[in-house]
Amino acid sequence: MIKMCSVRTIAKKDSIITALKERADNLLQNDELADTSVQENKAIIQNQVSTPAMALVIGKLWKTGRTLRIAFHDNPHPVIKEKVIQYASEWLKYANLKFEFVDGTDGEVRIGFNPSEGSWSYIGTDALNVPKDEPTMNYGWLTPATEEAEFRRVILHEFGHALGAEHEHQHPFSGIPWNKEKVYAHYASTDGWDKPYIDDNVFAKYSLDLINTNGYDADSIMHYAVDGKLTNGKWQTEWNNQLSTKDQDLMRKCYPEV
């Protein structure tokens, strides 16, 4: 049975401050903030971040061109380690970043393999707020016998999150006609998720002010498969296990060649 990937989040204020410290253009340049320095912006945010309607951050992107250390927090089977390196590196064909794969805990991205936690990741620079002795990403069901398509799907998906991508089915223009009660029952049964967790990972829509996007993309690696039984019966999509053209274009946009 294919299980679902999910995201973990950081307190909003910490998330914003870290994103700005990493990269100034993670900030939405509105009239109030356009002519101030990053340090001044940070001061404004520290004073006003509790205001619910304030949409400031458009990304949790890493600095373009930087090298991210990818640490194998646990000691995975050599086959799994090889697959992670292989498929994670596919993103680098389109993003101006570098990966340095290391063992241990000394990395901006730290991968765990706890089978009791499923597969999940923090979004982009949120990983910098996670204690150094904890993973920022987990692969809970990969084994040496996992099918190749599933290795590709899960690893590409979680590294998409690690580079700042959100779930595509939560795009404000997705228009998926969910049957909420069936969705709650389904994910409680298959993944053990409670309603708040399902709300965060399935139903919640992102504000256009808060995401980098090329428009809604049902073919995105960041999109969940949607069973027609969980909608009005007329809307469904299969699992994606490769990067779509829009995925590639978005990475070029977010991490351009300089």
C-alpha atoms as a PDB file:
ATOM      1  CA  MET A   1       0.000   0.000   0.000  1.00  0.00           C
ATOM      2  CA  ILE A   2       1.337   3.449  -0.939  1.00  0.00           C
ATOM      3  CA  LYS A   3       1.324   5.782   2.034  1.00  0.00           C
ATOM      4  CA  MET A   4       1.125   9.558   2.061  1.00  0.00           C
ATOM      5  CA  CYS A   5       3.946  12.039   2.546  1.00  0.00           C
ATOM      6  CA  SER A   6       3.425  15.007   4.829  1.00  0.00           C
ATOM      7  CA  VAL A   7       5.079  18.217   5.984  1.00  0.00           C
ATOM      8  CA  ARG A   8       6.142  19.460   9.379  1.00  0.00           C
ATOM      9  CA  THR A   9       5.945  23.105  10.327  1.00  0.00           C
ATOM     10  CA  ILE A  10       7.770  25.681  12.447  1.00  0.00           C
ATOM     11  CA  ALA A  11       6.272  28.542  14.465  1.00  0.00           C
ATOM     12  CA  LYS A  12       5.383  31.336  12.020  1.00  0.00           C
ATOM     13  CA  LYS A  13       7.633  33.998  13.539  1.00  0.00           C
ATOM     14  CA  ASP A  14      10.706  31.722  13.626  1.00  0.00           C
ATOM     15  CA  SER A  15       9.978  30.536  10.083  1.00  0.00           C
ATOM     16  CA  ILE A  16       9.844  34.087   8.708  1.00  0.00           C
ATOM     17  CA  ILE A  17      12.950  35.351  10.473  1.00  0.00           C
ATOM     18  CA  THR A  18      14.992  32.346   9.339  1.00  0.00           C
ATOM     19  CA  ALA A  19      13.772  32.659   5.742  1.00  0.00           C
ATOM     20  CA  LEU A  20      14.770  36.337   5.625  1.00  0.00           C
ATOM     21  CA  LYS A  21      18.158  35.689   7.171  1.00  0.00           C
ATOM     22  CA  GLU A  22      18.872  33.099   4.455  1.00  0.00           C
ATOM     23  CA  ARG A  23      17.562  35.093   1.497  1.00  0.00           C
ATOM     24  CA  ALA A  24      16.170  38.628   1.349  1.00  0.00           C
ATOM     25  CA  ASP A  25      13.832  37.944  -1.586  1.00  0.00           C
ATOM     26  CA  ASN A  26      11.863  35.498   0.545  1.00  0.00           C
ATOM     27  CA  LEU A  27      10.034  38.695   1.507  1.00  0.00           C
ATOM     28  CA  LEU A  28       6.964  39.995  -0.283  1.00  0.00           C
ATOM     29  CA  GLN A  29       7.849  43.529  -1.360  1.00  0.00           C
ATOM     30  CA  ASN A  30       4.665  45.440  -0.570  1.00  0.00           C
ATOM     31  CA  ASP A  31       4.383  49.223  -0.290  1.00  0.00           C
ATOM     32  CA  GLU A  32       5.107  49.274   3.418  1.00  0.00           C
ATOM     33  CA  LEU A  33       8.298  47.224   3.160  1.00  0.00           C
ATOM     34  CA  ALA A  34       9.697  47.845  -0.316  1.00  0.00           C
ATOM     35  CA  ASP A  35      12.214  50.573   0.569  1.00  0.00           C
ATOM     36  CA  THR A  36      13.502  49.230   3.874  1.00  0.00           C
ATOM     37  CA  SER A  37      16.533  47.085   4.534  1.00  0.00           C
ATOM     38  CA  VAL A  38      16.328  43.428   5.479  1.00  0.00           C
ATOM     39  CA  GLN A  39      17.257  44.290   9.079  1.00  0.00           C
ATOM     40  CA  GLU A  40      14.456  46.868   9.247  1.00  0.00           C
ATOM     41  CA  ASN A  41      12.053  44.370   7.714  1.00  0.00           C
ATOM     42  CA  LYS A  42      13.008  41.866  10.387  1.00  0.00           C
ATOM     43  CA  ALA A  43      12.232  44.436  13.066  1.00  0.00           C
ATOM     44  CA  ILE A  44       8.819  45.122  11.502  1.00  0.00           C
ATOM     45  CA  ILE A  45       8.108  41.408  11.379  1.00  0.00           C
ATOM     46  CA  GLN A  46       9.152  40.877  14.993  1.00  0.00           C
ATOM     47  CA  ASN A  47       6.640  43.538  16.018  1.00  0.00           C
ATOM     48  CA  GLN A  48       3.797  42.562  13.686  1.00  0.00           C
ATOM     49  CA  VAL A  49       4.117  38.878  12.863  1.00  0.00           C
ATOM     50  CA  SER A  50       1.209  38.004  15.133  1.00  0.00           C
ATOM     51  CA  THR A  51      -1.156  39.920  12.829  1.00  0.00           C
ATOM     52  CA  PRO A  52      -3.065  37.117  11.038  1.00  0.00           C
ATOM     53  CA  ALA A  53      -3.711  39.064   7.834  1.00  0.00           C
ATOM     54  CA  MET A  54      -0.070  39.981   7.268  1.00  0.00           C
ATOM     55  CA  ALA A  55       1.236  38.028   4.269  1.00  0.00           C
ATOM     56  CA  LEU A  56       4.975  38.623   4.122  1.00  0.00           C
ATOM     57  CA  VAL A  57       6.905  35.562   3.106  1.00  0.00           C
ATOM     58  CA  ILE A  58       6.596  34.198  -0.422  1.00  0.00           C
ATOM     59  CA  GLY A  59       9.164  31.482   0.034  1.00  0.00           C
ATOM     60  CA  LYS A  60      11.403  29.535   2.369  1.00  0.00           C
ATOM     61  CA  LEU A  61      14.044  29.293  -0.318  1.00  0.00           C
ATOM     62  CA  TRP A  62      17.735  28.675   0.195  1.00  0.00           C
ATOM     63  CA  LYS A  63      20.319  31.146  -1.068  1.00  0.00           C
ATOM     64  CA  THR A  64      20.844  30.583  -4.800  1.00  0.00           C
ATOM     65  CA  GLY A  65      24.111  28.820  -5.578  1.00  0.00           C
ATOM     66  CA  ARG A  66      24.748  27.601  -2.053  1.00  0.00           C
ATOM     67  CA  THR A  67      25.833  24.079  -1.113  1.00  0.00           C
ATOM     68  CA  LEU A  68      23.398  22.209   1.125  1.00  0.00           C
ATOM     69  CA  ARG A  69      24.868  19.487   3.277  1.00  0.00           C
ATOM     70  CA  ILE A  70      22.537  16.472   3.204  1.00  0.00           C
ATOM     71  CA  ALA A  71      23.275  14.345   6.264  1.00  0.00           C
ATOM     72  CA  PHE A  72      22.192  10.737   6.688  1.00  0.00           C
ATOM     73  CA  HIS A  73      21.069  11.142  10.285  1.00  0.00           C
ATOM     74  CA  ASP A  74      20.566   7.393  10.682  1.00  0.00           C
ATOM     75  CA  ASN A  75      22.588   4.656   9.020  1.00  0.00           C
ATOM     76  CA  PRO A  76      20.427   3.472   6.085  1.00  0.00           C
ATOM     77  CA  HIS A  77      20.965   0.364   4.018  1.00  0.00           C
ATOM     78  CA  PRO A  78      23.471   1.131   1.211  1.00  0.00           C
ATOM     79  CA  VAL A  79      20.776   0.533  -1.436  1.00  0.00           C
ATOM     80  CA  ILE A  80      18.463   3.107   0.170  1.00  0.00           C
ATOM     81  CA  LYS A  81      21.296   5.599   0.570  1.00  0.00           C
ATOM     82  CA  GLU A  82      22.225   5.214  -3.102  1.00  0.00           C
ATOM     83  CA  LYS A  83      18.605   5.793  -4.178  1.00  0.00           C
ATOM     84  CA  VAL A  84      18.300   8.933  -2.048  1.00  0.00           C
ATOM     85  CA  ILE A  85      21.437  10.403  -3.601  1.00  0.00           C
ATOM     86  CA  GLN A  86      20.317   9.416  -7.115  1.00  0.00           C
ATOM     87  CA  TYR A  87      16.799  10.845  -7.021  1.00  0.00           C
ATOM     88  CA  ALA A  88      17.450  13.859  -4.787  1.00  0.00           C
ATOM     89  CA  SER A  89      20.101  14.962  -7.263  1.00  0.00           C
ATOM     90  CA  GLU A  90      17.532  15.125 -10.083  1.00  0.00           C
ATOM     91  CA  TRP A  91      16.394  18.485  -8.678  1.00  0.00           C
ATOM     92  CA  LEU A  92      19.887  19.884  -9.269  1.00  0.00           C
ATOM     93  CA  LYS A  93      19.401  19.675 -13.042  1.00  0.00           C
ATOM     94  CA  TYR A  94      16.989  22.609 -12.667  1.00  0.00           C
ATOM     95  CA  ALA A  95      18.025  24.392  -9.441  1.00  0.00           C
ATOM     96  CA  ASN A  96      21.218  26.386  -9.028  1.00  0.00           C
ATOM     97  CA  LEU A  97      22.236  24.579  -5.845  1.00  0.00           C
ATOM     98  CA  LYS A  98      24.733  21.899  -4.855  1.00  0.00           C
ATOM     99  CA  PHE A  99      24.325  18.933  -2.497  1.00  0.00           C
ATOM    100  CA  GLU A 100      27.090  17.521  -0.327  1.00  0.00           C
ATOM    101  CA  PHE A 101      26.025  14.146   1.069  1.00  0.00           C
ATOM    102  CA  VAL A 102      27.538  13.337   4.465  1.00  0.00           C
ATOM    103  CA  ASP A 103      27.009  10.871   7.298  1.00  0.00           C
ATOM    104  CA  GLY A 104      25.994  11.942  10.796  1.00  0.00           C
ATOM    105  CA  THR A 105      24.104  15.030  11.913  1.00  0.00           C
ATOM    106  CA  ASP A 106      26.142  17.916  10.482  1.00  0.00           C
ATOM    107  CA  GLY A 107      23.853  19.085   7.698  1.00  0.00           C
ATOM    108  CA  GLU A 108      21.206  21.681   6.911  1.00  0.00           C
ATOM    109  CA  VAL A 109      19.017  18.753   5.775  1.00  0.00           C
ATOM    110  CA  ARG A 110      19.191  15.665   7.999  1.00  0.00           C
ATOM    111  CA  ILE A 111      17.491  12.473   6.846  1.00  0.00           C
ATOM    112  CA  GLY A 112      16.047   9.932   9.274  1.00  0.00           C
ATOM    113  CA  PHE A 113      14.650   6.496   8.491  1.00  0.00           C
ATOM    114  CA  ASN A 114      12.311   5.902  11.422  1.00  0.00           C
ATOM    115  CA  PRO A 115       9.684   3.354  10.258  1.00  0.00           C
ATOM    116  CA  SER A 116       7.192   4.503  12.895  1.00  0.00           C
ATOM    117  CA  GLU A 117       6.983   8.081  11.565  1.00  0.00           C
ATOM    118  CA  GLY A 118       6.061   7.727   7.891  1.00  0.00           C
ATOM    119  CA  SER A 119       7.638  10.043   5.319  1.00  0.00           C
ATOM    120  CA  TRP A 120       7.744  13.793   5.890  1.00  0.00           C
ATOM    121  CA  SER A 121       9.900  16.900   5.571  1.00  0.00           C
ATOM    122  CA  TYR A 122      10.157  20.455   6.801  1.00  0.00           C
ATOM    123  CA  ILE A 123       9.779  23.131   4.112  1.00  0.00           C
ATOM    124  CA  GLY A 124      12.992  24.793   2.902  1.00  0.00           C
ATOM    125  CA  THR A 125      14.693  27.031   5.448  1.00  0.00           C
ATOM    126  CA  ASP A 126      12.372  25.850   8.236  1.00  0.00           C
ATOM    127  CA  ALA A 127      14.944  23.057   8.619  1.00  0.00           C
ATOM    128  CA  LEU A 128      17.343  25.586  10.144  1.00  0.00           C
ATOM    129  CA  ASN A 129      15.043  25.916  13.169  1.00  0.00           C
ATOM    130  CA  VAL A 130      15.131  22.188  13.968  1.00  0.00           C
ATOM    131  CA  PRO A 131      17.501  21.110  16.788  1.00  0.00           C
ATOM    132  CA  LYS A 132      20.773  19.824  15.356  1.00  0.00           C
ATOM    133  CA  ASP A 133      20.328  16.349  16.813  1.00  0.00           C
ATOM    134  CA  GLU A 134      16.949  15.825  15.115  1.00  0.00           C
ATOM    135  CA  PRO A 135      16.172  14.919  11.483  1.00  0.00           C
ATOM    136  CA  THR A 136      14.507  17.435   9.165  1.00  0.00           C
ATOM    137  CA  MET A 137      13.211  14.741   6.807  1.00  0.00           C
ATOM    138  CA  ASN A 138      12.177  11.118   7.260  1.00  0.00           C
ATOM    139  CA  TYR A 139      11.628   8.108   5.013  1.00  0.00           C
ATOM    140  CA  GLY A 140       9.546   5.677   7.006  1.00  0.00           C
ATOM    141  CA  TRP A 141       8.754   2.889   4.564  1.00  0.00           C
ATOM    142  CA  LEU A 142      11.668   2.632   2.152  1.00  0.00           C
ATOM    143  CA  THR A 143      13.435  -0.741   2.136  1.00  0.00           C
ATOM    144  CA  PRO A 144      15.923  -2.323  -0.283  1.00  0.00           C
ATOM    145  CA  ALA A 145      12.933  -4.131  -1.828  1.00  0.00           C
ATOM    146  CA  THR A 146      10.918  -0.957  -2.498  1.00  0.00           C
ATOM    147  CA  GLU A 147       9.844  -0.609  -6.137  1.00  0.00           C
ATOM    148  CA  GLU A 148      11.865   1.818  -8.232  1.00  0.00           C
ATOM    149  CA  ALA A 149       8.864   4.049  -9.013  1.00  0.00           C
ATOM    150  CA  GLU A 150       8.149   4.423  -5.291  1.00  0.00           C
ATOM    151  CA  PHE A 151      11.776   5.300  -4.502  1.00  0.00           C
ATOM    152  CA  ARG A 152      11.589   7.995  -7.166  1.00  0.00           C
ATOM    153  CA  ARG A 153       8.196   9.328  -6.086  1.00  0.00           C
ATOM    154  CA  VAL A 154       8.881   9.625  -2.366  1.00  0.00           C
ATOM    155  CA  ILE A 155      12.442  10.943  -2.598  1.00  0.00           C
ATOM    156  CA  LEU A 156      11.622  13.554  -5.246  1.00  0.00           C
ATOM    157  CA  HIS A 157       8.542  14.635  -3.263  1.00  0.00           C
ATOM    158  CA  GLU A 158      10.315  15.084   0.064  1.00  0.00           C
ATOM    159  CA  PHE A 159      13.280  16.880  -1.499  1.00  0.00           C
ATOM    160  CA  GLY A 160      10.797  19.163  -3.248  1.00  0.00           C
ATOM    161  CA  HIS A 161       9.636  20.181   0.229  1.00  0.00           C
ATOM    162  CA  ALA A 162      13.237  20.559   1.389  1.00  0.00           C
ATOM    163  CA  LEU A 163      13.841  23.022  -1.473  1.00  0.00           C
ATOM    164  CA  GLY A 164      10.763  25.074  -0.562  1.00  0.00           C
ATOM    165  CA  ALA A 165       7.903  23.479  -2.528  1.00  0.00           C
ATOM    166  CA  GLU A 166       4.472  23.063  -0.939  1.00  0.00           C
ATOM    167  CA  HIS A 167       1.811  20.433  -1.672  1.00  0.00           C
ATOM    168  CA  GLU A 168       0.336  21.096  -5.114  1.00  0.00           C
ATOM    169  CA  HIS A 169      -3.139  19.741  -4.314  1.00  0.00           C
ATOM    170  CA  GLN A 170      -3.380  22.613  -1.801  1.00  0.00           C
ATOM    171  CA  HIS A 171      -2.880  25.209  -4.520  1.00  0.00           C
ATOM    172  CA  PRO A 172      -5.643  27.851  -4.322  1.00  0.00           C
ATOM    173  CA  PHE A 173      -6.736  27.021  -7.890  1.00  0.00           C
ATOM    174  CA  SER A 174      -6.771  23.222  -7.552  1.00  0.00           C
ATOM    175  CA  GLY A 175     -10.569  23.085  -7.308  1.00  0.00           C
ATOM    176  CA  ILE A 176     -10.657  19.490  -6.038  1.00  0.00           C
ATOM    177  CA  PRO A 177     -14.247  18.648  -4.993  1.00  0.00           C
ATOM    178  CA  TRP A 178     -13.324  16.715  -1.833  1.00  0.00           C
ATOM    179  CA  ASN A 179     -15.806  14.628   0.118  1.00  0.00           C
ATOM    180  CA  LYS A 180     -14.377  15.623   3.491  1.00  0.00           C
ATOM    181  CA  GLU A 181     -15.944  12.928   5.628  1.00  0.00           C
ATOM    182  CA  LYS A 182     -14.645  10.203   3.329  1.00  0.00           C
ATOM    183  CA  VAL A 183     -11.199  11.814   3.289  1.00  0.00           C
ATOM    184  CA  TYR A 184     -11.081  11.955   7.101  1.00  0.00           C
ATOM    185  CA  ALA A 185     -12.055   8.276   7.344  1.00  0.00           C
ATOM    186  CA  HIS A 186      -9.605   7.228   4.617  1.00  0.00           C
ATOM    187  CA  TYR A 187      -6.458   8.846   6.014  1.00  0.00           C
ATOM    188  CA  ALA A 188      -7.324   7.899   9.588  1.00  0.00           C
ATOM    189  CA  SER A 189      -7.455   4.286   8.404  1.00  0.00           C
ATOM    190  CA  THR A 190      -4.453   4.203   6.037  1.00  0.00           C
ATOM    191  CA  ASP A 191      -2.019   6.611   7.720  1.00  0.00           C
ATOM    192  CA  GLY A 192      -3.327   7.160  11.245  1.00  0.00           C
ATOM    193  CA  TRP A 193      -3.813  10.891  10.678  1.00  0.00           C
ATOM    194  CA  ASP A 194      -6.225  12.882  12.852  1.00  0.00           C
ATOM    195  CA  LYS A 195      -8.526  15.617  11.507  1.00  0.00           C
ATOM    196  CA  PRO A 196      -6.227  18.609  12.212  1.00  0.00           C
ATOM    197  CA  TYR A 197      -3.334  16.839  10.470  1.00  0.00           C
ATOM    198  CA  ILE A 198      -5.556  16.019   7.478  1.00  0.00           C
ATOM    199  CA  ASP A 199      -6.753  19.621   7.377  1.00  0.00           C
ATOM    200  CA  ASP A 200      -3.131  20.841   7.255  1.00  0.00           C
ATOM    201  CA  ASN A 201      -1.903  18.358   4.638  1.00  0.00           C
ATOM    202  CA  VAL A 202      -4.956  17.906   2.403  1.00  0.00           C
ATOM    203  CA  PHE A 203      -7.618  20.612   2.668  1.00  0.00           C
ATOM    204  CA  ALA A 204      -5.826  23.836   3.622  1.00  0.00           C
ATOM    205  CA  LYS A 205      -5.284  26.194   0.677  1.00  0.00           C
ATOM    206  CA  TYR A 206      -2.198  28.366   0.385  1.00  0.00           C
ATOM    207  CA  SER A 207      -2.543  32.087  -0.210  1.00  0.00           C
ATOM    208  CA  LEU A 208      -1.108  33.216  -3.541  1.00  0.00           C
ATOM    209  CA  ASP A 209       0.837  35.813  -1.534  1.00  0.00           C
ATOM    210  CA  LEU A 210       2.638  33.049   0.316  1.00  0.00           C
ATOM    211  CA  ILE A 211       3.810  30.729  -2.448  1.00  0.00           C
ATOM    212  CA  ASN A 212       6.008  30.677  -5.506  1.00  0.00           C
ATOM    213  CA  THR A 213       3.940  29.147  -8.286  1.00  0.00           C
ATOM    214  CA  ASN A 214       3.711  28.646 -12.028  1.00  0.00           C
ATOM    215  CA  GLY A 215      -0.005  27.960 -11.757  1.00  0.00           C
ATOM    216  CA  TYR A 216      -1.812  24.816 -10.630  1.00  0.00           C
ATOM    217  CA  ASP A 217      -0.188  21.613 -11.911  1.00  0.00           C
ATOM    218  CA  ALA A 218      -1.968  18.261 -11.470  1.00  0.00           C
ATOM    219  CA  ASP A 219       1.152  16.536 -12.870  1.00  0.00           C
ATOM    220  CA  SER A 220       3.470  17.933 -10.187  1.00  0.00           C
ATOM    221  CA  ILE A 221       5.561  15.575  -8.072  1.00  0.00           C
ATOM    222  CA  MET A 222       4.177  17.556  -5.132  1.00  0.00           C
ATOM    223  CA  HIS A 223       0.568  16.506  -5.862  1.00  0.00           C
ATOM    224  CA  TYR A 224      -1.137  13.690  -3.972  1.00  0.00           C
ATOM    225  CA  ALA A 225      -2.947  10.999  -5.905  1.00  0.00           C
ATOM    226  CA  VAL A 226      -6.670  11.602  -5.535  1.00  0.00           C
ATOM    227  CA  ASP A 227      -9.051   8.642  -5.571  1.00  0.00           C
ATOM    228  CA  GLY A 228     -12.383   9.471  -7.183  1.00  0.00           C
ATOM    229  CA  LYS A 229     -14.051   7.838  -4.176  1.00  0.00           C
ATOM    230  CA  LEU A 230     -12.729  10.707  -2.034  1.00  0.00           C
ATOM    231  CA  THR A 231     -14.273  13.390  -4.267  1.00  0.00           C
ATOM    232  CA  ASN A 232     -17.651  13.807  -5.905  1.00  0.00           C
ATOM    233  CA  GLY A 233     -16.713  10.806  -8.052  1.00  0.00           C
ATOM    234  CA  LYS A 234     -15.864  12.861 -11.135  1.00  0.00           C
ATOM    235  CA  TRP A 235     -12.387  14.098 -10.166  1.00  0.00           C
ATOM    236  CA  GLN A 236      -9.300  11.939  -9.699  1.00  0.00           C
ATOM    237  CA  THR A 237      -5.606  11.781 -10.525  1.00  0.00           C
ATOM    238  CA  GLU A 238      -2.923   9.111 -10.247  1.00  0.00           C
ATOM    239  CA  TRP A 239       0.414   9.182  -8.460  1.00  0.00           C
ATOM    240  CA  ASN A 240       3.134  11.226 -10.143  1.00  0.00           C
ATOM    241  CA  ASN A 241       6.624   9.759  -9.877  1.00  0.00           C
ATOM    242  CA  GLN A 242       8.675  12.185 -11.943  1.00  0.00           C
ATOM    243  CA  LEU A 243       9.207  15.930 -12.161  1.00  0.00           C
ATOM    244  CA  SER A 244       6.697  17.708 -14.368  1.00  0.00           C
ATOM    245  CA  THR A 245       7.679  20.445 -16.797  1.00  0.00           C
ATOM    246  CA  LYS A 246       6.230  23.012 -14.377  1.00  0.00           C
ATOM    247  CA  ASP A 247       8.216  21.502 -11.491  1.00  0.00           C
ATOM    248  CA  GLN A 248      11.376  21.977 -13.522  1.00  0.00           C
ATOM    249  CA  ASP A 249      10.443  25.516 -14.561  1.00  0.00           C
ATOM    250  CA  LEU A 250       9.599  26.512 -10.990  1.00  0.00           C
ATOM    251  CA  MET A 251      13.000  25.361  -9.736  1.00  0.00           C
ATOM    252  CA  ARG A 252      14.700  27.374 -12.480  1.00  0.00           C
ATOM    253  CA  LYS A 253      12.647  30.393 -11.381  1.00  0.00           C
ATOM    254  CA  CYS A 254      13.375  29.942  -7.673  1.00  0.00           C
ATOM    255  CA  TYR A 255      17.071  29.094  -8.074  1.00  0.00           C
ATOM    256  CA  PRO A 256      18.198  30.782 -11.303  1.00  0.00           C
ATOM    257  CA  GLU A 257      21.639  30.718 -12.850  1.00  0.00           C
ATOM    258  CA  VAL A 258      23.421  33.943 -12.006  1.00  0.00           C
END
